[in-house]
Every structure is written in C-alpha cells, then in structure tokens.
Amino acid sequence: MGADGVQVAKDIHDMFRVHNLNADVLAASFKNSQQILNLCKHGIGAVTAAPDVLRALTYHDATFTAEENFTQDFYALVNEVKGTHLK
C-alpha cells in the first residue's frame, strides 16, 4: 500500500513501549534479510518470511570460509597432538 513496512513495524513497536503495553510485534512477510536485520536491531524479535529470506540470514561466504579455516586448523592441531590422521 505504498508504506515502508519496516518503518511501520518499528513505529508500532515504539508505541507499545511508550505506552508500556505488554505486547510485541510479529513483523510479517518481509522480502529480504536486510529488512529483518533492521527490525531485529530495533528490538523486534519475531518475524515471518519465506524460507530463502531466513536462510540468507545465516549463509554468507565469509562465514563458510571462516568455518572451513577453523575446521582445518582444529584437525591439524588434533592430528599433531594425537599423532593420528582423522578422516
């Protein structure tokens, strides 16, 4: 309807807090992971989104590279300490 959904959710969240209402926002149907990150940074912790959008929050090339490097370093250390080669 032409509104900024992220801003609307933030505004509702702020109104709940200003008026000490015991309620939370469930932000729905966001189309990209950046929108969800912006909501979380503002304190909104519940969202609905398509699986591919949620998956994008956890998948990043730098994360995979760091994980791979950590795993290689770990096994190199274990092999050195144990004197065996793990597969």
C-alpha atoms as a PDB file:
ATOM      1  CA  MET A   1       0.000   0.000   0.000  1.00  0.00           C
ATOM      2  CA  GLY A   2       2.991   2.252  -0.501  1.00  0.00           C
ATOM      3  CA  ALA A   3       4.113   2.272   3.137  1.00  0.00           C
ATOM      4  CA  ASP A   4       7.567   1.334   4.397  1.00  0.00           C
ATOM      5  CA  GLY A   5       6.782  -1.929   6.211  1.00  0.00           C
ATOM      6  CA  VAL A   6       9.976  -1.845   8.256  1.00  0.00           C
ATOM      7  CA  GLN A   7       9.226   1.659   9.499  1.00  0.00           C
ATOM      8  CA  VAL A   8       5.601   0.792  10.258  1.00  0.00           C
ATOM      9  CA  ALA A   9       6.699  -2.187  12.365  1.00  0.00           C
ATOM     10  CA  LYS A  10       9.255  -0.008  14.187  1.00  0.00           C
ATOM     11  CA  ASP A  11       6.628   2.667  14.860  1.00  0.00           C
ATOM     12  CA  ILE A  12       4.169   0.130  16.273  1.00  0.00           C
ATOM     13  CA  HIS A  13       6.936  -1.374  18.432  1.00  0.00           C
ATOM     14  CA  ASP A  14       7.814   2.093  19.756  1.00  0.00           C
ATOM     15  CA  MET A  15       4.156   2.879  20.535  1.00  0.00           C
ATOM     16  CA  PHE A  16       3.846  -0.335  22.517  1.00  0.00           C
ATOM     17  CA  ARG A  17       6.939   0.587  24.540  1.00  0.00           C
ATOM     18  CA  VAL A  18       5.975   4.251  25.105  1.00  0.00           C
ATOM     19  CA  HIS A  19       2.584   3.222  26.447  1.00  0.00           C
ATOM     20  CA  ASN A  20       4.001   0.311  28.490  1.00  0.00           C
ATOM     21  CA  LEU A  21       1.792  -2.162  26.686  1.00  0.00           C
ATOM     22  CA  ASN A  22       2.529  -5.814  27.320  1.00  0.00           C
ATOM     23  CA  ALA A  23       2.586  -6.661  23.612  1.00  0.00           C
ATOM     24  CA  ASP A  24       5.128  -7.447  20.945  1.00  0.00           C
ATOM     25  CA  VAL A  25       5.233  -7.004  17.191  1.00  0.00           C
ATOM     26  CA  LEU A  26       5.201 -10.001  14.883  1.00  0.00           C
ATOM     27  CA  ALA A  27       6.511  -8.442  11.694  1.00  0.00           C
ATOM     28  CA  ALA A  28       5.342 -10.366   8.659  1.00  0.00           C
ATOM     29  CA  SER A  29       6.155 -11.057   5.029  1.00  0.00           C
ATOM     30  CA  PHE A  30       9.448  -9.240   4.605  1.00  0.00           C
ATOM     31  CA  LYS A  31      11.207  -9.822   1.322  1.00  0.00           C
ATOM     32  CA  ASN A  32      14.908  -9.640   2.177  1.00  0.00           C
ATOM     33  CA  SER A  33      17.283 -10.356   5.033  1.00  0.00           C
ATOM     34  CA  GLN A  34      18.325  -6.702   5.421  1.00  0.00           C
ATOM     35  CA  GLN A  35      14.764  -5.749   6.355  1.00  0.00           C
ATOM     36  CA  ILE A  36      14.761  -8.437   9.031  1.00  0.00           C
ATOM     37  CA  LEU A  37      18.139  -7.301  10.364  1.00  0.00           C
ATOM     38  CA  ASN A  38      16.849  -3.728  10.626  1.00  0.00           C
ATOM     39  CA  LEU A  39      13.835  -4.936  12.607  1.00  0.00           C
ATOM     40  CA  CYS A  40      15.998  -7.004  14.962  1.00  0.00           C
ATOM     41  CA  LYS A  41      18.350  -4.070  15.558  1.00  0.00           C
ATOM     42  CA  HIS A  42      15.310  -2.079  16.638  1.00  0.00           C
ATOM     43  CA  GLY A  43      14.250  -4.743  19.136  1.00  0.00           C
ATOM     44  CA  ILE A  44      11.657  -6.626  17.125  1.00  0.00           C
ATOM     45  CA  GLY A  45      12.461 -10.274  17.620  1.00  0.00           C
ATOM     46  CA  ALA A  46       9.648 -12.081  15.818  1.00  0.00           C
ATOM     47  CA  VAL A  47       9.232 -12.139  12.051  1.00  0.00           C
ATOM     48  CA  THR A  48       7.737 -14.273   9.352  1.00  0.00           C
ATOM     49  CA  ALA A  49       9.430 -14.552   5.990  1.00  0.00           C
ATOM     50  CA  ALA A  50       9.968 -17.001   3.174  1.00  0.00           C
ATOM     51  CA  PRO A  51      12.488 -19.782   3.872  1.00  0.00           C
ATOM     52  CA  ASP A  52      15.004 -18.394   1.364  1.00  0.00           C
ATOM     53  CA  VAL A  53      14.944 -14.998   3.120  1.00  0.00           C
ATOM     54  CA  LEU A  54      15.521 -16.612   6.522  1.00  0.00           C
ATOM     55  CA  ARG A  55      18.269 -18.814   5.068  1.00  0.00           C
ATOM     56  CA  ALA A  56      20.037 -15.693   3.777  1.00  0.00           C
ATOM     57  CA  LEU A  57      20.450 -14.530   7.380  1.00  0.00           C
ATOM     58  CA  THR A  58      22.797 -17.419   8.117  1.00  0.00           C
ATOM     59  CA  TYR A  59      24.543 -18.075   4.807  1.00  0.00           C
ATOM     60  CA  HIS A  60      27.499 -15.901   3.930  1.00  0.00           C
ATOM     61  CA  ASP A  61      30.707 -16.715   2.045  1.00  0.00           C
ATOM     62  CA  ALA A  62      32.877 -15.189   4.791  1.00  0.00           C
ATOM     63  CA  THR A  63      31.185 -17.412   7.375  1.00  0.00           C
ATOM     64  CA  PHE A  64      31.824 -20.528   5.307  1.00  0.00           C
ATOM     65  CA  THR A  65      35.465 -19.568   4.760  1.00  0.00           C
ATOM     66  CA  ALA A  66      35.992 -18.923   8.474  1.00  0.00           C
ATOM     67  CA  GLU A  67      34.317 -22.221   9.353  1.00  0.00           C
ATOM     68  CA  GLU A  68      36.477 -24.105   6.877  1.00  0.00           C
ATOM     69  CA  ASN A  69      39.666 -22.463   8.163  1.00  0.00           C
ATOM     70  CA  PHE A  70      38.711 -23.186  11.777  1.00  0.00           C
ATOM     71  CA  THR A  71      37.978 -26.831  10.969  1.00  0.00           C
ATOM     72  CA  GLN A  72      41.272 -27.277   9.104  1.00  0.00           C
ATOM     73  CA  ASP A  73      43.210 -25.654  11.965  1.00  0.00           C
ATOM     74  CA  PHE A  74      41.403 -27.829  14.516  1.00  0.00           C
ATOM     75  CA  TYR A  75      42.132 -31.081  12.695  1.00  0.00           C
ATOM     76  CA  ALA A  76      45.728 -30.047  12.107  1.00  0.00           C
ATOM     77  CA  LEU A  77      46.112 -29.470  15.852  1.00  0.00           C
ATOM     78  CA  VAL A  78      44.345 -32.717  16.803  1.00  0.00           C
ATOM     79  CA  ASN A  79      46.462 -34.730  14.378  1.00  0.00           C
ATOM     80  CA  GLU A  80      49.621 -33.138  15.758  1.00  0.00           C
ATOM     81  CA  VAL A  81      48.647 -33.840  19.359  1.00  0.00           C
ATOM     82  CA  LYS A  82      47.267 -37.351  18.843  1.00  0.00           C
ATOM     83  CA  GLY A  83      49.750 -38.387  16.169  1.00  0.00           C
ATOM     84  CA  THR A  84      46.950 -39.802  14.032  1.00  0.00           C
ATOM     85  CA  HIS A  85      45.192 -38.683  10.909  1.00  0.00           C
ATOM     86  CA  LEU A  86      41.457 -38.177  11.175  1.00  0.00           C
ATOM     87  CA  LYS A  87      39.192 -38.599   8.200  1.00  0.00           C
END
